[in-house]
Amino acid sequence: MLDAPRERIGAWIRRRREERGWSQEALGDRVSLSQPMIAKLERGGSAVDFERWLKLCEVFGVREERALAEIRAIEGAAGAA
């Protein structure tokens, strides 16, 4: 079960990245973060700042409102498990 908001956001980042077939390094290049930092975000080990959040939404081609809705859906699915 995903407890912390950071874990749900990390799951969303990982899912979006994998849907595109990108490595963590490839995503990091697109958002100016290192591969270890992408891994940390995906694990929920670090919070995403607002500027980086906007950049992630941009590279994934998702509006911020849609991204939040998807993250809430992850929360709902985790809560139902």
PDB file of N, CA and C in Angstrom:
ATOM      1  N   MET A   1       0.844  -1.190   0.000  1.00  0.00           N
ATOM      2  CA  MET A   1       0.000   0.000   0.000  1.00  0.00           C
ATOM      3  C   MET A   1       0.884   1.246   0.000  1.00  0.00           C
ATOM      4  N   LEU A   2       0.523   2.189  -0.825  1.00  0.00           N
ATOM      5  CA  LEU A   2       1.282   3.433  -0.911  1.00  0.00           C
ATOM      6  C   LEU A   2       0.718   4.419   0.097  1.00  0.00           C
ATOM      7  N   ASP A   3       1.518   4.759   1.106  1.00  0.00           N
ATOM      8  CA  ASP A   3       1.035   5.597   2.191  1.00  0.00           C
ATOM      9  C   ASP A   3       1.255   7.081   1.943  1.00  0.00           C
ATOM     10  N   ALA A   4       2.478   7.432   1.709  1.00  0.00           N
ATOM     11  CA  ALA A   4       2.834   8.846   1.624  1.00  0.00           C
ATOM     12  C   ALA A   4       2.520   9.402   0.238  1.00  0.00           C
ATOM     13  N   PRO A   5       2.130  10.675   0.191  1.00  0.00           N
ATOM     14  CA  PRO A   5       1.919  11.304  -1.120  1.00  0.00           C
ATOM     15  C   PRO A   5       3.146  11.182  -2.019  1.00  0.00           C
ATOM     16  N   ARG A   6       4.338  11.248  -1.440  1.00  0.00           N
ATOM     17  CA  ARG A   6       5.563  11.116  -2.247  1.00  0.00           C
ATOM     18  C   ARG A   6       5.618   9.760  -2.934  1.00  0.00           C
ATOM     19  N   GLU A   7       5.159   8.709  -2.254  1.00  0.00           N
ATOM     20  CA  GLU A   7       5.169   7.374  -2.853  1.00  0.00           C
ATOM     21  C   GLU A   7       4.181   7.289  -4.011  1.00  0.00           C
ATOM     22  N   ARG A   8       3.028   7.916  -3.862  1.00  0.00           N
ATOM     23  CA  ARG A   8       2.036   7.905  -4.945  1.00  0.00           C
ATOM     24  C   ARG A   8       2.542   8.707  -6.134  1.00  0.00           C
ATOM     25  N   ILE A   9       3.157   9.850  -5.877  1.00  0.00           N
ATOM     26  CA  ILE A   9       3.724  10.651  -6.961  1.00  0.00           C
ATOM     27  C   ILE A   9       4.844   9.873  -7.634  1.00  0.00           C
ATOM     28  N   GLY A  10       5.673   9.208  -6.844  1.00  0.00           N
ATOM     29  CA  GLY A  10       6.749   8.391  -7.405  1.00  0.00           C
ATOM     30  C   GLY A  10       6.221   7.273  -8.289  1.00  0.00           C
ATOM     31  N   ALA A  11       5.140   6.632  -7.852  1.00  0.00           N
ATOM     32  CA  ALA A  11       4.529   5.573  -8.662  1.00  0.00           C
ATOM     33  C   ALA A  11       4.017   6.138  -9.981  1.00  0.00           C
ATOM     34  N   TRP A  12       3.453   7.341  -9.929  1.00  0.00           N
ATOM     35  CA  TRP A  12       2.964   7.993 -11.144  1.00  0.00           C
ATOM     36  C   TRP A  12       4.125   8.305 -12.093  1.00  0.00           C
ATOM     37  N   ILE A  13       5.224   8.836 -11.556  1.00  0.00           N
ATOM     38  CA  ILE A  13       6.391   9.148 -12.384  1.00  0.00           C
ATOM     39  C   ILE A  13       6.907   7.877 -13.053  1.00  0.00           C
ATOM     40  N   ARG A  14       7.055   6.821 -12.273  1.00  0.00           N
ATOM     41  CA  ARG A  14       7.556   5.553 -12.808  1.00  0.00           C
ATOM     42  C   ARG A  14       6.631   5.007 -13.899  1.00  0.00           C
ATOM     43  N   ARG A  15       5.333   5.020 -13.648  1.00  0.00           N
ATOM     44  CA  ARG A  15       4.380   4.507 -14.630  1.00  0.00           C
ATOM     45  C   ARG A  15       4.455   5.300 -15.931  1.00  0.00           C
ATOM     46  N   ARG A  16       4.452   6.628 -15.835  1.00  0.00           N
ATOM     47  CA  ARG A  16       4.531   7.477 -17.026  1.00  0.00           C
ATOM     48  C   ARG A  16       5.842   7.249 -17.772  1.00  0.00           C
ATOM     49  N   ARG A  17       6.930   7.139 -17.041  1.00  0.00           N
ATOM     50  CA  ARG A  17       8.236   6.916 -17.672  1.00  0.00           C
ATOM     51  C   ARG A  17       8.252   5.581 -18.404  1.00  0.00           C
ATOM     52  N   GLU A  18       7.780   4.533 -17.740  1.00  0.00           N
ATOM     53  CA  GLU A  18       7.787   3.198 -18.339  1.00  0.00           C
ATOM     54  C   GLU A  18       6.851   3.112 -19.540  1.00  0.00           C
ATOM     55  N   GLU A  19       5.723   3.832 -19.505  1.00  0.00           N
ATOM     56  CA  GLU A  19       4.814   3.850 -20.655  1.00  0.00           C
ATOM     57  C   GLU A  19       5.526   4.357 -21.907  1.00  0.00           C
ATOM     58  N   ARG A  20       6.477   5.234 -21.726  1.00  0.00           N
ATOM     59  CA  ARG A  20       7.218   5.812 -22.852  1.00  0.00           C
ATOM     60  C   ARG A  20       8.459   5.006 -23.212  1.00  0.00           C
ATOM     61  N   GLY A  21       8.758   4.015 -22.399  1.00  0.00           N
ATOM     62  CA  GLY A  21       9.940   3.204 -22.655  1.00  0.00           C
ATOM     63  C   GLY A  21      11.241   3.920 -22.346  1.00  0.00           C
ATOM     64  N   TRP A  22      11.177   4.918 -21.474  1.00  0.00           N
ATOM     65  CA  TRP A  22      12.356   5.689 -21.114  1.00  0.00           C
ATOM     66  C   TRP A  22      13.057   5.062 -19.919  1.00  0.00           C
ATOM     67  N   SER A  23      14.354   5.128 -19.926  1.00  0.00           N
ATOM     68  CA  SER A  23      15.125   4.764 -18.739  1.00  0.00           C
ATOM     69  C   SER A  23      15.043   5.923 -17.747  1.00  0.00           C
ATOM     70  N   GLN A  24      15.474   5.664 -16.528  1.00  0.00           N
ATOM     71  CA  GLN A  24      15.544   6.748 -15.548  1.00  0.00           C
ATOM     72  C   GLN A  24      16.515   7.817 -16.021  1.00  0.00           C
ATOM     73  N   GLU A  25      17.587   7.397 -16.638  1.00  0.00           N
ATOM     74  CA  GLU A  25      18.563   8.350 -17.147  1.00  0.00           C
ATOM     75  C   GLU A  25      17.958   9.229 -18.244  1.00  0.00           C
ATOM     76  N   ALA A  26      17.175   8.621 -19.143  1.00  0.00           N
ATOM     77  CA  ALA A  26      16.556   9.390 -20.230  1.00  0.00           C
ATOM     78  C   ALA A  26      15.576  10.419 -19.675  1.00  0.00           C
ATOM     79  N   LEU A  27      14.786  10.025 -18.677  1.00  0.00           N
ATOM     80  CA  LEU A  27      13.873  10.991 -18.053  1.00  0.00           C
ATOM     81  C   LEU A  27      14.676  12.090 -17.364  1.00  0.00           C
ATOM     82  N   GLY A  28      15.713  11.695 -16.654  1.00  0.00           N
ATOM     83  CA  GLY A  28      16.555  12.677 -15.975  1.00  0.00           C
ATOM     84  C   GLY A  28      17.128  13.711 -16.931  1.00  0.00           C
ATOM     85  N   ASP A  29      17.550  13.257 -18.098  1.00  0.00           N
ATOM     86  CA  ASP A  29      18.073  14.188 -19.105  1.00  0.00           C
ATOM     87  C   ASP A  29      17.007  15.200 -19.519  1.00  0.00           C
ATOM     88  N   ARG A  30      15.760  14.750 -19.613  1.00  0.00           N
ATOM     89  CA  ARG A  30      14.669  15.624 -20.052  1.00  0.00           C
ATOM     90  C   ARG A  30      14.272  16.658 -18.998  1.00  0.00           C
ATOM     91  N   VAL A  31      14.500  16.326 -17.721  1.00  0.00           N
ATOM     92  CA  VAL A  31      14.085  17.238 -16.645  1.00  0.00           C
ATOM     93  C   VAL A  31      15.276  17.765 -15.832  1.00  0.00           C
ATOM     94  N   SER A  32      16.461  17.557 -16.339  1.00  0.00           N
ATOM     95  CA  SER A  32      17.693  18.053 -15.711  1.00  0.00           C
ATOM     96  C   SER A  32      17.894  17.520 -14.295  1.00  0.00           C
ATOM     97  N   LEU A  33      17.715  16.204 -14.142  1.00  0.00           N
ATOM     98  CA  LEU A  33      17.994  15.524 -12.882  1.00  0.00           C
ATOM     99  C   LEU A  33      18.857  14.305 -13.172  1.00  0.00           C
ATOM    100  N   SER A  34      19.632  13.897 -12.194  1.00  0.00           N
ATOM    101  CA  SER A  34      20.460  12.703 -12.349  1.00  0.00           C
ATOM    102  C   SER A  34      19.600  11.439 -12.262  1.00  0.00           C
ATOM    103  N   GLN A  35      20.132  10.348 -12.771  1.00  0.00           N
ATOM    104  CA  GLN A  35      19.431   9.063 -12.665  1.00  0.00           C
ATOM    105  C   GLN A  35      19.195   8.675 -11.205  1.00  0.00           C
ATOM    106  N   PRO A  36      20.187   8.845 -10.309  1.00  0.00           N
ATOM    107  CA  PRO A  36      19.913   8.505  -8.908  1.00  0.00           C
ATOM    108  C   PRO A  36      18.775   9.343  -8.298  1.00  0.00           C
ATOM    109  N   MET A  37      18.653  10.596  -8.720  1.00  0.00           N
ATOM    110  CA  MET A  37      17.571  11.418  -8.196  1.00  0.00           C
ATOM    111  C   MET A  37      16.219  10.952  -8.728  1.00  0.00           C
ATOM    112  N   ILE A  38      16.160  10.555  -9.994  1.00  0.00           N
ATOM    113  CA  ILE A  38      14.916  10.009 -10.541  1.00  0.00           C
ATOM    114  C   ILE A  38      14.530   8.751  -9.771  1.00  0.00           C
ATOM    115  N   ALA A  39      15.506   7.890  -9.508  1.00  0.00           N
ATOM    116  CA  ALA A  39      15.238   6.670  -8.730  1.00  0.00           C
ATOM    117  C   ALA A  39      14.697   7.021  -7.342  1.00  0.00           C
ATOM    118  N   LYS A  40      15.275   8.014  -6.720  1.00  0.00           N
ATOM    119  CA  LYS A  40      14.834   8.436  -5.385  1.00  0.00           C
ATOM    120  C   LYS A  40      13.408   8.978  -5.432  1.00  0.00           C
ATOM    121  N   LEU A  41      13.096   9.774  -6.450  1.00  0.00           N
ATOM    122  CA  LEU A  41      11.727  10.286  -6.596  1.00  0.00           C
ATOM    123  C   LEU A  41      10.741   9.142  -6.784  1.00  0.00           C
ATOM    124  N   GLU A  42      11.094   8.183  -7.621  1.00  0.00           N
ATOM    125  CA  GLU A  42      10.195   7.061  -7.898  1.00  0.00           C
ATOM    126  C   GLU A  42       9.955   6.205  -6.660  1.00  0.00           C
ATOM    127  N   ARG A  43      10.919   6.137  -5.773  1.00  0.00           N
ATOM    128  CA  ARG A  43      10.756   5.382  -4.515  1.00  0.00           C
ATOM    129  C   ARG A  43       9.999   6.167  -3.461  1.00  0.00           C
ATOM    130  N   GLY A  44       9.770   7.449  -3.723  1.00  0.00           N
ATOM    131  CA  GLY A  44       9.129   8.282  -2.719  1.00  0.00           C
ATOM    132  C   GLY A  44      10.102   8.785  -1.676  1.00  0.00           C
ATOM    133  N   GLY A  45      11.385   8.692  -1.968  1.00  0.00           N
ATOM    134  CA  GLY A  45      12.413   9.101  -1.027  1.00  0.00           C
ATOM    135  C   GLY A  45      12.698  10.589  -1.025  1.00  0.00           C
ATOM    136  N   SER A  46      12.104  11.303  -1.963  1.00  0.00           N
ATOM    137  CA  SER A  46      12.310  12.742  -2.048  1.00  0.00           C
ATOM    138  C   SER A  46      11.048  13.374  -2.622  1.00  0.00           C
ATOM    139  N   ALA A  47      10.793  14.599  -2.214  1.00  0.00           N
ATOM    140  CA  ALA A  47       9.630  15.323  -2.729  1.00  0.00           C
ATOM    141  C   ALA A  47       9.989  16.023  -4.036  1.00  0.00           C
ATOM    142  N   VAL A  48       8.994  16.219  -4.874  1.00  0.00           N
ATOM    143  CA  VAL A  48       9.170  16.934  -6.137  1.00  0.00           C
ATOM    144  C   VAL A  48       8.831  18.397  -5.895  1.00  0.00           C
ATOM    145  N   ASP A  49       9.764  19.295  -6.215  1.00  0.00           N
ATOM    146  CA  ASP A  49       9.439  20.711  -6.059  1.00  0.00           C
ATOM    147  C   ASP A  49       8.517  21.157  -7.200  1.00  0.00           C
ATOM    148  N   PHE A  50       7.898  22.302  -7.026  1.00  0.00           N
ATOM    149  CA  PHE A  50       6.879  22.765  -7.965  1.00  0.00           C
ATOM    150  C   PHE A  50       7.434  22.944  -9.375  1.00  0.00           C
ATOM    151  N   GLU A  51       8.605  23.546  -9.490  1.00  0.00           N
ATOM    152  CA  GLU A  51       9.205  23.763 -10.806  1.00  0.00           C
ATOM    153  C   GLU A  51       9.433  22.435 -11.522  1.00  0.00           C
ATOM    154  N   ARG A  52       9.953  21.453 -10.791  1.00  0.00           N
ATOM    155  CA  ARG A  52      10.213  20.132 -11.371  1.00  0.00           C
ATOM    156  C   ARG A  52       8.904  19.435 -11.712  1.00  0.00           C
ATOM    157  N   TRP A  53       7.877  19.626 -10.881  1.00  0.00           N
ATOM    158  CA  TRP A  53       6.551  19.055 -11.137  1.00  0.00           C
ATOM    159  C   TRP A  53       6.021  19.557 -12.485  1.00  0.00           C
ATOM    160  N   LEU A  54       6.126  20.854 -12.710  1.00  0.00           N
ATOM    161  CA  LEU A  54       5.668  21.421 -13.978  1.00  0.00           C
ATOM    162  C   LEU A  54       6.453  20.839 -15.151  1.00  0.00           C
ATOM    163  N   LYS A  55       7.754  20.672 -14.980  1.00  0.00           N
ATOM    164  CA  LYS A  55       8.589  20.112 -16.042  1.00  0.00           C
ATOM    165  C   LYS A  55       8.219  18.657 -16.316  1.00  0.00           C
ATOM    166  N   LEU A  56       7.972  17.879 -15.275  1.00  0.00           N
ATOM    167  CA  LEU A  56       7.561  16.483 -15.465  1.00  0.00           C
ATOM    168  C   LEU A  56       6.247  16.410 -16.248  1.00  0.00           C
ATOM    169  N   CYS A  57       5.294  17.236 -15.868  1.00  0.00           N
ATOM    170  CA  CYS A  57       4.024  17.257 -16.591  1.00  0.00           C
ATOM    171  C   CYS A  57       4.246  17.615 -18.055  1.00  0.00           C
ATOM    172  N   GLU A  58       5.122  18.573 -18.286  1.00  0.00           N
ATOM    173  CA  GLU A  58       5.419  18.997 -19.663  1.00  0.00           C
ATOM    174  C   GLU A  58       6.030  17.859 -20.477  1.00  0.00           C
ATOM    175  N   VAL A  59       7.047  17.194 -19.948  1.00  0.00           N
ATOM    176  CA  VAL A  59       7.705  16.143 -20.730  1.00  0.00           C
ATOM    177  C   VAL A  59       6.802  14.921 -20.918  1.00  0.00           C
ATOM    178  N   PHE A  60       5.879  14.704 -19.984  1.00  0.00           N
ATOM    179  CA  PHE A  60       4.934  13.597 -20.137  1.00  0.00           C
ATOM    180  C   PHE A  60       3.722  13.993 -20.988  1.00  0.00           C
ATOM    181  N   GLY A  61       3.618  15.287 -21.318  1.00  0.00           N
ATOM    182  CA  GLY A  61       2.502  15.749 -22.143  1.00  0.00           C
ATOM    183  C   GLY A  61       1.168  15.687 -21.428  1.00  0.00           C
ATOM    184  N   VAL A  62       1.198  15.990 -20.118  1.00  0.00           N
ATOM    185  CA  VAL A  62      -0.003  15.899 -19.281  1.00  0.00           C
ATOM    186  C   VAL A  62      -0.226  17.235 -18.581  1.00  0.00           C
ATOM    187  N   ARG A  63      -1.454  17.700 -18.604  1.00  0.00           N
ATOM    188  CA  ARG A  63      -1.777  18.913 -17.843  1.00  0.00           C
ATOM    189  C   ARG A  63      -1.698  18.601 -16.352  1.00  0.00           C
ATOM    190  N   GLU A  64      -1.373  19.608 -15.586  1.00  0.00           N
ATOM    191  CA  GLU A  64      -1.205  19.409 -14.140  1.00  0.00           C
ATOM    192  C   GLU A  64      -2.460  18.837 -13.491  1.00  0.00           C
ATOM    193  N   GLU A  65      -3.624  19.306 -13.912  1.00  0.00           N
ATOM    194  CA  GLU A  65      -4.886  18.821 -13.338  1.00  0.00           C
ATOM    195  C   GLU A  65      -5.071  17.332 -13.613  1.00  0.00           C
ATOM    196  N   ARG A  66      -4.713  16.910 -14.812  1.00  0.00           N
ATOM    197  CA  ARG A  66      -4.825  15.495 -15.187  1.00  0.00           C
ATOM    198  C   ARG A  66      -3.854  14.656 -14.357  1.00  0.00           C
ATOM    199  N   ALA A  67      -2.638  15.153 -14.187  1.00  0.00           N
ATOM    200  CA  ALA A  67      -1.645  14.433 -13.394  1.00  0.00           C
ATOM    201  C   ALA A  67      -2.142  14.232 -11.964  1.00  0.00           C
ATOM    202  N   LEU A  68      -2.714  15.280 -11.377  1.00  0.00           N
ATOM    203  CA  LEU A  68      -3.241  15.155 -10.009  1.00  0.00           C
ATOM    204  C   LEU A  68      -4.378  14.148  -9.947  1.00  0.00           C
ATOM    205  N   ALA A  69      -5.231  14.141 -10.960  1.00  0.00           N
ATOM    206  CA  ALA A  69      -6.324  13.176 -10.995  1.00  0.00           C
ATOM    207  C   ALA A  69      -5.772  11.747 -11.071  1.00  0.00           C
ATOM    208  N   GLU A  70      -4.749  11.549 -11.870  1.00  0.00           N
ATOM    209  CA  GLU A  70      -4.138  10.224 -11.980  1.00  0.00           C
ATOM    210  C   GLU A  70      -3.511   9.795 -10.661  1.00  0.00           C
ATOM    211  N   ILE A  71      -2.878  10.733  -9.975  1.00  0.00           N
ATOM    212  CA  ILE A  71      -2.260  10.414  -8.680  1.00  0.00           C
ATOM    213  C   ILE A  71      -3.329  10.084  -7.654  1.00  0.00           C
ATOM    214  N   ARG A  72      -4.420  10.809  -7.677  1.00  0.00           N
ATOM    215  CA  ARG A  72      -5.535  10.496  -6.755  1.00  0.00           C
ATOM    216  C   ARG A  72      -6.078   9.094  -7.052  1.00  0.00           C
ATOM    217  N   ALA A  73      -6.131   8.712  -8.319  1.00  0.00           N
ATOM    218  CA  ALA A  73      -6.599   7.381  -8.682  1.00  0.00           C
ATOM    219  C   ALA A  73      -5.659   6.311  -8.132  1.00  0.00           C
ATOM    220  N   ILE A  74      -4.360   6.589  -8.151  1.00  0.00           N
ATOM    221  CA  ILE A  74      -3.398   5.650  -7.549  1.00  0.00           C
ATOM    222  C   ILE A  74      -3.691   5.522  -6.070  1.00  0.00           C
ATOM    223  N   GLU A  75      -3.975   6.630  -5.419  1.00  0.00           N
ATOM    224  CA  GLU A  75      -4.306   6.627  -3.994  1.00  0.00           C
ATOM    225  C   GLU A  75      -5.555   5.789  -3.747  1.00  0.00           C
ATOM    226  N   GLY A  76      -6.574   5.979  -4.587  1.00  0.00           N
ATOM    227  CA  GLY A  76      -7.817   5.216  -4.431  1.00  0.00           C
ATOM    228  C   GLY A  76      -7.595   3.732  -4.619  1.00  0.00           C
ATOM    229  N   ALA A  77      -6.779   3.364  -5.608  1.00  0.00           N
ATOM    230  CA  ALA A  77      -6.499   1.964  -5.859  1.00  0.00           C
ATOM    231  C   ALA A  77      -5.724   1.370  -4.695  1.00  0.00           C
ATOM    232  N   ALA A  78      -4.790   2.144  -4.140  1.00  0.00           N
ATOM    233  CA  ALA A  78      -4.003   1.655  -3.003  1.00  0.00           C
ATOM    234  C   ALA A  78      -4.893   1.505  -1.783  1.00  0.00           C
ATOM    235  N   GLY A  79      -5.818   2.432  -1.602  1.00  0.00           N
ATOM    236  CA  GLY A  79      -6.703   2.352  -0.451  1.00  0.00           C
ATOM    237  C   GLY A  79      -7.685   1.198  -0.532  1.00  0.00           C
ATOM    238  N   ALA A  80      -8.011   0.793  -1.770  1.00  0.00           N
ATOM    239  CA  ALA A  80      -8.957  -0.301  -1.963  1.00  0.00           C
ATOM    240  C   ALA A  80      -8.285  -1.661  -1.767  1.00  0.00           C
ATOM    241  N   ALA A  81      -6.954  -1.696  -1.842  1.00  0.00           N
ATOM    242  CA  ALA A  81      -6.226  -2.975  -1.732  1.00  0.00           C
ATOM    243  C   ALA A  81      -6.199  -3.477  -0.314  1.00  0.00           C
TER     244      ALA A  81
END
